[in-house]
C-alpha atoms as a PDB file:
ATOM      1  CA  MET A   1      41.235   1.714  -7.636  1.00  0.00           C
ATOM      2  CA  THR A   2      43.168  -1.544  -7.596  1.00  0.00           C
ATOM      3  CA  ARG A   3      44.542  -3.583  -4.760  1.00  0.00           C
ATOM      4  CA  ASN A   4      47.935  -5.209  -4.646  1.00  0.00           C
ATOM      5  CA  ARG A   5      47.253  -8.754  -3.558  1.00  0.00           C
ATOM      6  CA  ALA A   6      49.965 -10.889  -1.980  1.00  0.00           C
ATOM      7  CA  GLY A   7      51.640 -13.166  -4.478  1.00  0.00           C
ATOM      8  CA  GLN A   8      50.687 -11.153  -7.546  1.00  0.00           C
ATOM      9  CA  ALA A   9      53.499  -8.644  -7.316  1.00  0.00           C
ATOM     10  CA  ASP A  10      56.344 -11.152  -7.565  1.00  0.00           C
ATOM     11  CA  GLY A  11      54.470 -13.902  -9.419  1.00  0.00           C
ATOM     12  CA  THR A  12      55.193 -16.656  -6.893  1.00  0.00           C
ATOM     13  CA  GLY A  13      51.540 -17.478  -6.251  1.00  0.00           C
ATOM     14  CA  GLU A  14      51.951 -17.563  -2.479  1.00  0.00           C
ATOM     15  CA  GLY A  15      48.811 -15.452  -2.095  1.00  0.00           C
ATOM     16  CA  VAL A  16      46.796 -18.092  -3.916  1.00  0.00           C
ATOM     17  CA  MET A  17      48.045 -20.861  -1.624  1.00  0.00           C
ATOM     18  CA  LYS A  18      47.298 -18.718   1.407  1.00  0.00           C
ATOM     19  CA  ASN A  19      43.717 -18.236   0.173  1.00  0.00           C
ATOM     20  CA  TRP A  20      43.165 -21.962  -0.320  1.00  0.00           C
ATOM     21  CA  ARG A  21      44.612 -22.699   3.117  1.00  0.00           C
ATOM     22  CA  ASN A  22      42.288 -20.166   4.716  1.00  0.00           C
ATOM     23  CA  ILE A  23      39.301 -21.586   2.842  1.00  0.00           C
ATOM     24  CA  ALA A  24      40.158 -25.120   3.989  1.00  0.00           C
ATOM     25  CA  LEU A  25      40.644 -24.005   7.597  1.00  0.00           C
ATOM     26  CA  HIS A  26      37.348 -22.125   7.532  1.00  0.00           C
ATOM     27  CA  ALA A  27      35.519 -25.185   6.211  1.00  0.00           C
ATOM     28  CA  ALA A  28      37.174 -27.528   8.726  1.00  0.00           C
ATOM     29  CA  ALA A  29      36.386 -25.249  11.660  1.00  0.00           C
ATOM     30  CA  ALA A  30      32.742 -24.910  10.645  1.00  0.00           C
ATOM     31  CA  ALA A  31      32.392 -28.659  10.098  1.00  0.00           C
ATOM     32  CA  ALA A  32      34.013 -29.493  13.441  1.00  0.00           C
ATOM     33  CA  PHE A  33      31.850 -26.974  15.269  1.00  0.00           C
ATOM     34  CA  ILE A  34      28.555 -28.208  13.821  1.00  0.00           C
ATOM     35  CA  PHE A  35      29.567 -31.862  14.301  1.00  0.00           C
ATOM     36  CA  LEU A  36      30.356 -31.344  17.983  1.00  0.00           C
ATOM     37  CA  LEU A  37      27.198 -29.295  18.476  1.00  0.00           C
ATOM     38  CA  GLN A  38      24.970 -31.884  16.808  1.00  0.00           C
ATOM     39  CA  ARG A  39      26.610 -34.952  18.287  1.00  0.00           C
ATOM     40  CA  TYR A  40      27.240 -33.990  21.890  1.00  0.00           C
ATOM     41  CA  VAL A  41      24.985 -31.024  22.672  1.00  0.00           C
ATOM     42  CA  LEU A  42      21.894 -31.992  20.677  1.00  0.00           C
ATOM     43  CA  ASN A  43      22.484 -35.773  20.946  1.00  0.00           C
ATOM     44  CA  ALA A  44      21.925 -36.417  17.229  1.00  0.00           C
ATOM     45  CA  SER A  45      22.917 -39.659  15.541  1.00  0.00           C
ATOM     46  CA  LEU A  46      26.374 -40.073  14.030  1.00  0.00           C
ATOM     47  CA  GLU A  47      25.010 -40.150  10.468  1.00  0.00           C
ATOM     48  CA  SER A  48      22.999 -36.990  10.970  1.00  0.00           C
ATOM     49  CA  SER A  49      25.922 -35.199  12.601  1.00  0.00           C
ATOM     50  CA  LEU A  50      28.260 -36.115   9.751  1.00  0.00           C
ATOM     51  CA  LEU A  51      25.723 -35.018   7.150  1.00  0.00           C
ATOM     52  CA  TRP A  52      25.258 -31.641   8.835  1.00  0.00           C
ATOM     53  CA  ALA A  53      29.026 -31.261   9.234  1.00  0.00           C
ATOM     54  CA  LEU A  54      29.543 -31.926   5.527  1.00  0.00           C
ATOM     55  CA  THR A  55      26.785 -29.471   4.611  1.00  0.00           C
ATOM     56  CA  PHE A  56      28.018 -26.686   6.871  1.00  0.00           C
ATOM     57  CA  GLY A  57      31.626 -27.284   5.864  1.00  0.00           C
ATOM     58  CA  GLY A  58      30.697 -26.973   2.193  1.00  0.00           C
ATOM     59  CA  CYS A  59      28.722 -23.800   2.816  1.00  0.00           C
ATOM     60  CA  ALA A  60      31.571 -22.327   4.848  1.00  0.00           C
ATOM     61  CA  ALA A  61      34.050 -23.166   2.077  1.00  0.00           C
ATOM     62  CA  GLY A  62      31.800 -21.500  -0.487  1.00  0.00           C
ATOM     63  CA  LEU A  63      31.446 -18.394   1.649  1.00  0.00           C
ATOM     64  CA  ALA A  64      35.188 -18.205   2.322  1.00  0.00           C
ATOM     65  CA  TYR A  65      35.907 -18.674  -1.389  1.00  0.00           C
ATOM     66  CA  SER A  66      33.564 -15.866  -2.359  1.00  0.00           C
ATOM     67  CA  GLN A  67      35.114 -13.569   0.240  1.00  0.00           C
ATOM     68  CA  ALA A  68      38.658 -14.441  -0.846  1.00  0.00           C
ATOM     69  CA  ASN A  69      37.871 -13.472  -4.436  1.00  0.00           C
ATOM     70  CA  ARG A  70      36.338 -10.087  -3.640  1.00  0.00           C
END
């Protein structure tokens, strides 16, 4: 059984751009959430909050990428 993904039928590649946009939005949302949680709720330092935001953003991007390619 095959799926017809957006952008593959007409060859424009719009489905690919949509995937990358969703991956970037997922990563940005996760990074913003963990930064705000660390910085203002848990009162962590700026450096620690940025490091956790970068880590969680990267993990979220990896997860979104793997889900987009399923």
